Amino acid sequence: MNNHLFKLNKLNVYNSIVNLSQLVFEVTDKCNLSCKYCCYSDLYKGYDQRIGTNMSFDNAKVIIDYLFDIWKENHVPGVTSPVNIGFYGGEPLLNITLIKKVIDYLEGSVNVGKKFIYNMTTNGLLLNKYIDFLIKNKFTLTISFDGDEFGQSYRVDHSGFNSFQRVFNNIKYFQDNYPDYFKKYIHFNTVLHNRNNVESIIKFFKSNFNSSPSISQLSSVGIRKDKLNEFFIMYQNLSESIDKSNNCEALEAELFLKSPRIFSLTNFIYRESGNHFTTYNNIFNSQNLYKPTGTCLPFSKKMFVTVNNKILSCERISQKKSLGCIKDGQVILDMEAIAKTYNRNIFRYINQCIKCGYKEQCMYCVYQIDEKENKMCPYFCDKDSVNIAKESYLQMLRDSPEYYELLLDNTSIKY
């Protein structure tokens, strides 16, 4: 079996950078809110201390130039591929100066076969101040907003005041004055907790913005042990919140692919069909290999550069697990070392992976497992458990056969 396991090498890392689809800058660790459940609050561990640091343009330019050199070397004339440039925080609009400089630099650079598309995650407090700039550069905005006033009450400013009315007013101004842009480019992410629920969230966004948000549970990754009680007071499970509603079927239909049950069913169909490809290249890959765990290949989805000049695969893993850095005006990125570290982390649980019922379809990231606390993979599934789960999914299709056609229409290729 081990001969059929995928092992990363430095060429795989290099090719991921050549085909990088998303570059995200953590432009500042400053924030004008002090959300009680923030992943950078004292509930969590694993992040660098937040001391009010802004990323400098010089360091942003270093990583851009590094990528441009690689892209230029591999550019095929006549071929252009999109690269999403993301701005993250803190609250990224607190470092608007850097954002403007990065965009000016990218737009004024030589052609390397890339089209740059801009996006940002924001808390919405400064939207009114920079709305013209955001529209001019066609930013896709994800606004973090937890619903009505009580739902938003964990998202307070540094004086402890609820941010609801200020954010709501900014969003309504955007919607009323730029309705076409709003419909196309504005999205919402709502955190589910003990002061809101799925039904109230859907109702709020539908009635006020004619929109359906993405709904996220509080992350359980990296919780400090001394904060577990505080965490579980706020925590609410997404599936349970749907099930508690008297309108659970309507909610599930509204959420559809965002619903945990439908999402799980979708992955079941992916696994069992043998006809699921995450990229077009996979269609032509005849190698009989599988990749243990659901851990992304480094930079296959994004590159995340922190305000402290660390380079990671994404923002969801501990900043202590950086793959490289920017130092003294240079990018330090040892691709061979990255491959070796990745393989070592992946194969830490390989004896369990081989016996796991989901070994070829695992969705879990090893970088989100605390290896000091978990000598065994906490997501291991024996075959009996997998068979029970399979039967439950098949029963879902028997009870609601229309789901299958809807899923095929909505997920013809996952990319």
Protein backbone atom coordinates (compact mmCIF):
# COMPACT_ATOMS: atom_id res chain seq x y z
CA MET A 1 0.00 0.00 0.00
CA ASN A 2 2.77 2.46 0.85
CA ASN A 3 4.02 2.31 -2.76
CA HIS A 4 0.74 3.92 -3.86
CA LEU A 5 0.91 6.84 -1.45
CA PHE A 6 1.60 10.29 -2.80
CA LYS A 7 4.81 11.92 -1.57
CA LEU A 8 5.54 15.58 -2.16
CA ASN A 9 8.78 16.73 -3.78
CA LYS A 10 10.27 20.17 -4.40
CA LEU A 11 9.03 20.20 -8.01
CA ASN A 12 5.45 19.84 -6.76
CA VAL A 13 5.98 22.87 -4.52
CA TYR A 14 7.49 24.87 -7.38
CA ASN A 15 4.64 23.97 -9.73
CA SER A 16 2.10 25.06 -7.11
CA ILE A 17 3.76 28.47 -7.02
CA VAL A 18 3.82 28.64 -10.82
CA ASN A 19 0.07 28.02 -10.79
CA LEU A 20 -0.69 29.96 -7.60
CA SER A 21 -4.33 31.08 -7.69
CA GLN A 22 -4.49 33.18 -4.53
CA LEU A 23 -2.02 35.43 -2.72
CA VAL A 24 -3.24 36.83 0.60
CA PHE A 25 -1.57 39.62 2.54
CA GLU A 26 -2.19 40.07 6.26
CA VAL A 27 -1.78 43.81 5.89
CA THR A 28 -2.19 44.65 9.58
CA ASP A 29 -2.84 43.04 12.94
CA LYS A 30 -4.69 46.17 14.11
CA CYS A 31 -8.45 45.99 14.45
CA ASN A 32 -11.13 48.52 15.33
CA LEU A 33 -13.23 45.76 16.91
CA SER A 34 -12.57 43.43 19.81
CA CYS A 35 -14.77 40.44 18.99
CA LYS A 36 -15.18 38.07 21.92
CA TYR A 37 -14.68 34.92 19.80
CA CYS A 38 -11.99 36.22 17.43
CA CYS A 39 -9.38 33.64 16.40
CA TYR A 40 -6.78 36.17 17.58
CA SER A 41 -8.44 36.69 20.98
CA ASP A 42 -7.25 35.13 24.22
CA LEU A 43 -9.51 32.12 23.54
CA TYR A 44 -6.92 30.75 21.13
CA LYS A 45 -3.25 29.91 20.90
CA GLY A 46 -0.89 29.48 17.95
CA TYR A 47 -0.84 33.00 16.54
CA ASP A 48 1.83 35.69 16.78
CA GLN A 49 1.23 38.37 19.40
CA ARG A 50 -0.92 41.20 18.06
CA ILE A 51 0.91 44.44 18.84
CA GLY A 52 -0.50 46.89 16.27
CA THR A 53 1.86 46.10 13.38
CA ASN A 54 1.36 47.12 9.75
CA MET A 55 2.94 45.25 6.84
CA SER A 56 5.36 47.46 4.94
CA PHE A 57 5.12 47.94 1.18
CA ASP A 58 8.82 47.01 0.85
CA ASN A 59 8.11 43.51 2.18
CA ALA A 60 4.94 43.12 0.11
CA LYS A 61 6.96 44.11 -2.97
CA VAL A 62 9.61 41.49 -2.16
CA ILE A 63 7.12 38.61 -2.32
CA ILE A 64 5.45 40.06 -5.44
CA ASP A 65 8.81 40.36 -7.23
CA TYR A 66 9.71 36.81 -6.18
CA LEU A 67 6.48 35.47 -7.68
CA PHE A 68 6.83 37.62 -10.79
CA ASP A 69 10.25 36.13 -11.52
CA ILE A 70 8.79 32.61 -11.36
CA TRP A 71 5.70 33.52 -13.37
CA LYS A 72 7.76 35.34 -16.02
CA GLU A 73 10.02 32.32 -16.44
CA ASN A 74 7.00 30.03 -16.96
CA HIS A 75 4.79 32.41 -18.92
CA VAL A 76 3.21 30.97 -22.06
CA PRO A 77 2.52 33.80 -24.54
CA GLY A 78 -1.18 34.29 -25.17
CA VAL A 79 -2.21 32.51 -21.97
CA THR A 80 -3.59 34.51 -19.03
CA SER A 81 -4.72 33.00 -15.72
CA PRO A 82 -6.43 34.76 -12.81
CA VAL A 83 -4.73 35.35 -9.47
CA ASN A 84 -6.85 36.48 -6.54
CA ILE A 85 -5.08 39.07 -4.40
CA GLY A 86 -6.58 39.04 -0.92
CA PHE A 87 -6.22 41.56 1.90
CA TYR A 88 -6.69 40.29 5.43
CA GLY A 89 -6.26 41.53 8.99
CA GLY A 90 -6.96 42.61 11.66
CA GLU A 91 -9.14 45.02 9.77
CA PRO A 92 -7.37 45.48 6.42
CA LEU A 93 -8.88 48.91 5.71
CA LEU A 94 -6.83 50.25 8.63
CA ASN A 95 -3.81 49.90 6.31
CA ILE A 96 -5.42 51.25 3.15
CA THR A 97 -2.12 52.94 2.21
CA LEU A 98 -0.44 49.58 1.68
CA ILE A 99 -3.42 48.16 -0.21
CA LYS A 100 -3.35 51.09 -2.65
CA LYS A 101 0.40 50.75 -3.18
CA VAL A 102 0.15 46.98 -3.81
CA ILE A 103 -2.59 47.46 -6.41
CA ASP A 104 -0.72 50.29 -8.13
CA TYR A 105 2.41 48.14 -8.27
CA LEU A 106 0.59 45.10 -9.65
CA GLU A 107 -1.32 47.07 -12.26
CA GLY A 108 1.84 48.87 -13.38
CA SER A 109 3.98 45.72 -13.70
CA VAL A 110 5.03 43.88 -16.84
CA ASN A 111 2.82 41.17 -18.30
CA VAL A 112 3.52 37.79 -16.71
CA GLY A 113 0.36 36.07 -17.94
CA LYS A 114 -1.70 36.88 -14.85
CA LYS A 115 -4.92 38.83 -14.38
CA PHE A 116 -5.26 40.21 -10.86
CA ILE A 117 -8.60 40.10 -9.06
CA TYR A 118 -8.99 41.75 -5.66
CA ASN A 119 -10.85 40.60 -2.58
CA MET A 120 -11.02 41.52 1.06
CA THR A 121 -12.52 40.31 4.32
CA THR A 122 -13.72 43.30 6.34
CA ASN A 123 -15.81 44.05 9.42
CA GLY A 124 -17.57 46.83 7.51
CA LEU A 125 -16.87 49.73 9.86
CA LEU A 126 -14.88 51.70 7.28
CA LEU A 127 -16.82 50.83 4.12
CA ASN A 128 -18.33 54.32 3.86
CA LYS A 129 -14.86 55.90 3.88
CA TYR A 130 -13.33 53.82 1.07
CA ILE A 131 -16.34 52.81 -1.01
CA ASP A 132 -15.20 54.63 -4.19
CA PHE A 133 -11.77 52.99 -4.09
CA LEU A 134 -13.26 49.52 -3.57
CA ILE A 135 -15.70 49.93 -6.45
CA LYS A 136 -13.08 51.37 -8.80
CA ASN A 137 -10.90 48.26 -8.30
CA LYS A 138 -13.85 45.82 -8.41
CA PHE A 139 -13.17 44.34 -4.99
CA THR A 140 -15.12 41.28 -3.98
CA LEU A 141 -15.94 41.95 -0.34
CA THR A 142 -16.75 39.45 2.36
CA ILE A 143 -18.33 41.36 5.23
CA SER A 144 -18.23 39.70 8.64
CA PHE A 145 -21.66 40.39 10.10
CA ASP A 146 -23.58 38.24 12.58
CA GLY A 147 -27.15 39.29 11.90
CA ASP A 148 -29.45 41.40 14.04
CA GLU A 149 -28.36 43.58 16.95
CA PHE A 150 -28.29 40.77 19.49
CA GLY A 151 -26.53 38.44 17.04
CA GLN A 152 -23.87 41.12 16.46
CA SER A 153 -23.38 41.78 20.18
CA TYR A 154 -20.09 39.81 20.42
CA ARG A 155 -18.64 42.11 17.75
CA VAL A 156 -17.89 45.11 19.94
CA ASP A 157 -15.47 48.00 19.64
CA HIS A 158 -12.66 48.64 22.14
CA SER A 159 -15.04 50.57 24.37
CA GLY A 160 -17.40 47.59 24.49
CA PHE A 161 -20.12 49.11 22.26
CA ASN A 162 -22.02 46.92 19.80
CA SER A 163 -20.95 47.61 16.21
CA PHE A 164 -24.33 46.63 14.73
CA GLN A 165 -25.84 50.00 13.78
CA ARG A 166 -22.64 51.41 12.28
CA VAL A 167 -22.00 48.33 10.13
CA PHE A 168 -25.66 48.00 9.16
CA ASN A 169 -25.81 51.65 8.05
CA ASN A 170 -22.67 51.26 5.91
CA ILE A 171 -24.01 48.12 4.24
CA LYS A 172 -27.42 49.72 3.52
CA TYR A 173 -25.71 52.78 2.05
CA PHE A 174 -23.71 50.50 -0.24
CA GLN A 175 -26.82 48.57 -1.25
CA ASP A 176 -29.01 51.65 -1.82
CA ASN A 177 -26.46 53.62 -3.85
CA TYR A 178 -24.70 50.84 -5.76
CA PRO A 179 -27.31 48.05 -6.09
CA ASP A 180 -25.79 46.28 -9.10
CA TYR A 181 -22.31 46.22 -7.57
CA PHE A 182 -23.75 45.13 -4.24
CA LYS A 183 -25.54 42.17 -5.80
CA LYS A 184 -22.46 40.97 -7.69
CA TYR A 185 -19.55 41.69 -5.36
CA ILE A 186 -20.81 41.76 -1.77
CA HIS A 187 -20.93 38.56 0.31
CA PHE A 188 -21.48 37.93 3.99
CA ASN A 189 -19.94 35.59 6.51
CA THR A 190 -21.81 35.06 9.75
CA VAL A 191 -20.43 33.34 12.83
CA LEU A 192 -22.95 31.12 14.59
CA HIS A 193 -22.94 31.36 18.39
CA ASN A 194 -25.31 31.32 21.37
CA ARG A 195 -26.78 34.76 20.57
CA ASN A 196 -28.10 33.92 17.11
CA ASN A 197 -29.34 30.86 15.21
CA VAL A 198 -29.58 29.73 11.61
CA GLU A 199 -33.24 30.66 11.25
CA SER A 200 -32.83 34.21 12.59
CA ILE A 201 -29.69 34.71 10.48
CA ILE A 202 -31.37 33.64 7.22
CA LYS A 203 -34.43 35.76 7.98
CA PHE A 204 -32.33 38.84 8.78
CA PHE A 205 -30.19 38.72 5.63
CA LYS A 206 -33.11 37.87 3.34
CA SER A 207 -35.33 40.66 4.64
CA ASN A 208 -32.64 43.34 4.75
CA PHE A 209 -30.24 42.52 1.92
CA ASN A 210 -31.99 39.82 -0.16
CA SER A 211 -28.87 37.74 0.43
CA SER A 212 -27.91 34.42 1.98
CA PRO A 213 -24.69 34.43 4.06
CA SER A 214 -22.13 31.73 4.64
CA ILE A 215 -22.57 30.54 8.22
CA SER A 216 -19.55 29.36 10.18
CA GLN A 217 -19.33 27.62 13.54
CA LEU A 218 -16.79 28.87 16.05
CA SER A 219 -13.50 27.16 15.33
CA SER A 220 -12.51 24.49 17.84
CA VAL A 221 -8.91 24.41 16.59
CA GLY A 222 -6.31 25.86 18.96
CA ILE A 223 -8.61 26.57 21.92
CA ARG A 224 -6.66 27.22 25.12
CA LYS A 225 -7.48 24.66 27.80
CA ASP A 226 -8.21 27.34 30.37
CA LYS A 227 -10.75 28.89 27.99
CA LEU A 228 -12.77 25.79 27.12
CA ASN A 229 -15.71 26.68 29.36
CA GLU A 230 -15.88 30.19 27.92
CA PHE A 231 -15.71 28.75 24.40
CA PHE A 232 -18.52 26.22 24.92
CA ILE A 233 -20.82 28.87 26.40
CA MET A 234 -20.64 30.71 23.07
CA TYR A 235 -20.47 27.66 20.79
CA GLN A 236 -23.49 26.48 18.80
CA ASN A 237 -23.51 23.58 16.35
CA LEU A 238 -24.75 24.40 12.84
CA SER A 239 -26.63 21.16 12.24
CA GLU A 240 -28.31 21.29 15.65
CA SER A 241 -29.38 24.89 15.07
CA ILE A 242 -31.08 23.86 11.82
CA ASP A 243 -32.72 20.83 13.43
CA LYS A 244 -34.16 22.92 16.27
CA SER A 245 -36.08 25.08 13.84
CA ASN A 246 -39.72 24.38 12.98
CA ASN A 247 -38.73 25.21 9.40
CA CYS A 248 -35.66 22.98 9.13
CA GLU A 249 -36.53 21.66 5.64
CA ALA A 250 -36.99 25.18 4.30
CA LEU A 251 -33.72 26.28 5.94
CA GLU A 252 -31.86 23.36 4.43
CA ALA A 253 -33.29 24.15 1.00
CA GLU A 254 -32.26 27.79 1.40
CA LEU A 255 -28.73 26.89 2.45
CA PHE A 256 -28.45 23.86 0.16
CA LEU A 257 -24.70 23.34 -0.46
CA LYS A 258 -23.94 25.42 2.65
CA SER A 259 -26.02 23.01 4.74
CA PRO A 260 -23.88 20.48 6.67
CA ARG A 261 -26.16 17.60 5.69
CA ILE A 262 -26.15 18.43 1.97
CA PHE A 263 -22.43 19.19 2.06
CA SER A 264 -21.78 15.75 3.57
CA LEU A 265 -24.03 14.12 0.98
CA THR A 266 -22.14 15.91 -1.78
CA ASN A 267 -18.83 14.57 -0.53
CA PHE A 268 -20.33 11.09 -0.26
CA ILE A 269 -21.34 11.25 -3.94
CA TYR A 270 -17.87 12.54 -4.84
CA ARG A 271 -16.24 9.65 -3.03
CA GLU A 272 -18.47 6.91 -4.37
CA SER A 273 -18.90 8.03 -7.97
CA GLY A 274 -15.27 7.67 -9.02
CA ASN A 275 -15.98 10.59 -11.33
CA HIS A 276 -14.92 13.56 -9.22
CA PHE A 277 -11.99 15.77 -10.19
CA THR A 278 -10.84 18.77 -8.16
CA THR A 279 -8.96 20.26 -11.13
CA TYR A 280 -9.00 19.72 -14.87
CA ASN A 281 -5.48 18.28 -14.66
CA ASN A 282 -6.76 15.44 -12.46
CA ILE A 283 -8.91 14.22 -15.34
CA PHE A 284 -5.75 13.33 -17.26
CA ASN A 285 -3.83 11.90 -14.31
CA SER A 286 -3.80 8.13 -14.65
CA GLN A 287 -1.46 7.46 -11.73
CA ASN A 288 -3.00 5.18 -9.13
CA LEU A 289 -1.96 7.31 -6.18
CA TYR A 290 -3.81 8.73 -3.23
CA LYS A 291 -2.85 11.53 -0.87
CA PRO A 292 -3.23 10.68 2.83
CA THR A 293 -5.31 13.19 4.81
CA GLY A 294 -7.08 16.25 3.44
CA THR A 295 -4.08 18.51 3.96
CA CYS A 296 -3.60 20.86 1.00
CA LEU A 297 -0.38 20.63 -0.94
CA PRO A 298 1.68 23.73 -0.03
CA PHE A 299 0.50 26.73 -2.10
CA SER A 300 -1.87 24.61 -4.19
CA LYS A 301 -4.76 26.82 -3.05
CA LYS A 302 -3.14 29.95 -1.70
CA MET A 303 -0.09 31.63 -0.23
CA PHE A 304 -0.62 33.60 2.97
CA VAL A 305 1.94 36.23 4.02
CA THR A 306 1.59 37.44 7.61
CA VAL A 307 2.16 40.89 8.98
CA ASN A 308 5.32 39.48 10.61
CA ASN A 309 6.60 38.33 7.19
CA LYS A 310 5.94 34.61 7.64
CA ILE A 311 4.81 32.59 4.62
CA LEU A 312 2.13 29.93 5.16
CA SER A 313 -0.22 27.80 3.07
CA CYS A 314 -3.25 29.53 4.55
CA GLU A 315 -4.55 31.64 7.43
CA ARG A 316 -6.31 28.76 9.19
CA ILE A 317 -3.24 27.04 10.60
CA SER A 318 -0.91 28.02 13.41
CA GLN A 319 1.52 30.77 12.52
CA LYS A 320 4.17 28.70 14.27
CA LYS A 321 4.05 26.35 11.24
CA SER A 322 5.36 28.77 8.63
CA LEU A 323 6.96 27.43 5.46
CA GLY A 324 9.26 30.37 4.87
CA CYS A 325 9.67 34.07 5.49
CA ILE A 326 10.73 37.44 4.12
CA LYS A 327 14.03 38.50 5.65
CA ASP A 328 16.52 41.22 4.78
CA GLY A 329 14.74 41.99 1.52
CA GLN A 330 14.68 38.38 0.34
CA VAL A 331 12.17 35.53 0.22
CA ILE A 332 13.45 32.53 2.16
CA LEU A 333 11.59 29.55 0.78
CA ASP A 334 13.38 26.19 0.71
CA MET A 335 11.14 24.04 -1.49
CA GLU A 336 12.94 20.79 -0.72
CA ALA A 337 12.65 21.42 3.03
CA ILE A 338 8.97 22.29 2.60
CA ALA A 339 8.36 18.97 0.83
CA LYS A 340 10.21 16.99 3.50
CA THR A 341 8.34 18.71 6.34
CA TYR A 342 5.02 18.13 4.60
CA ASN A 343 5.76 14.42 4.09
CA ARG A 344 6.88 14.02 7.69
CA ASN A 345 3.67 15.63 8.99
CA ILE A 346 1.43 13.66 6.64
CA PHE A 347 3.03 10.30 7.36
CA ARG A 348 2.92 10.82 11.12
CA TYR A 349 -0.45 9.07 11.16
CA ILE A 350 0.10 6.77 8.18
CA ASN A 351 -0.52 3.49 10.04
CA GLN A 352 -3.95 4.80 10.96
CA CYS A 353 -4.56 6.26 7.51
CA ILE A 354 -4.06 2.86 5.88
CA LYS A 355 -6.74 1.32 8.12
CA CYS A 356 -9.13 4.28 8.01
CA GLY A 357 -12.43 3.83 6.20
CA TYR A 358 -12.01 7.26 4.60
CA LYS A 359 -8.32 6.90 3.79
CA GLU A 360 -8.69 7.99 0.16
CA GLN A 361 -11.21 10.77 0.82
CA CYS A 362 -10.01 12.32 4.08
CA MET A 363 -10.94 16.01 4.46
CA TYR A 364 -8.89 16.82 7.58
CA CYS A 365 -5.74 18.92 7.77
CA VAL A 366 -2.90 17.56 9.90
CA TYR A 367 -1.70 21.11 10.55
CA GLN A 368 -4.85 21.62 12.62
CA ILE A 369 -4.04 18.65 14.84
CA ASP A 370 -2.00 19.39 17.94
CA GLU A 371 0.61 16.64 17.68
CA LYS A 372 1.64 17.12 21.31
CA GLU A 373 -1.87 16.29 22.48
CA ASN A 374 -2.84 13.81 19.75
CA LYS A 375 -0.52 10.86 19.22
CA MET A 376 -3.38 9.28 17.29
CA CYS A 377 -5.46 10.96 14.59
CA PRO A 378 -8.68 12.23 16.23
CA TYR A 379 -10.61 11.83 12.96
CA PHE A 380 -9.94 8.10 12.42
CA CYS A 381 -13.02 6.21 11.17
CA ASP A 382 -13.33 2.43 11.28
CA LYS A 383 -15.07 0.61 8.43
CA ASP A 384 -18.22 -0.13 10.44
CA SER A 385 -18.73 3.57 11.12
CA VAL A 386 -18.17 4.35 7.45
CA ASN A 387 -20.74 1.74 6.40
CA ILE A 388 -23.32 3.21 8.78
CA ALA A 389 -22.65 6.66 7.35
CA LYS A 390 -22.98 5.35 3.78
CA GLU A 391 -26.35 3.84 4.54
CA SER A 392 -27.57 7.14 6.02
CA TYR A 393 -26.55 8.99 2.84
CA LEU A 394 -28.26 6.41 0.64
CA GLN A 395 -31.39 6.79 2.73
CA MET A 396 -31.22 10.56 2.20
CA LEU A 397 -31.24 9.97 -1.56
CA ARG A 398 -34.15 7.53 -1.25
CA ASP A 399 -36.13 10.04 0.79
CA SER A 400 -35.16 13.04 -1.36
CA PRO A 401 -34.17 11.80 -4.84
CA GLU A 402 -34.37 15.37 -6.18
CA TYR A 403 -31.16 16.14 -4.27
CA TYR A 404 -29.08 14.06 -6.67
CA GLU A 405 -30.13 16.02 -9.74
CA LEU A 406 -29.75 19.33 -7.92
CA LEU A 407 -26.24 18.39 -6.81
CA LEU A 408 -25.25 17.42 -10.35
CA ASP A 409 -26.59 20.75 -11.65
CA ASN A 410 -24.75 22.76 -8.98
CA THR A 411 -21.44 20.86 -8.77
CA SER A 412 -20.74 19.53 -12.27
CA ILE A 413 -17.05 20.13 -11.63
CA LYS A 414 -15.55 21.10 -8.31
CA TYR A 415 -12.88 23.70 -8.99
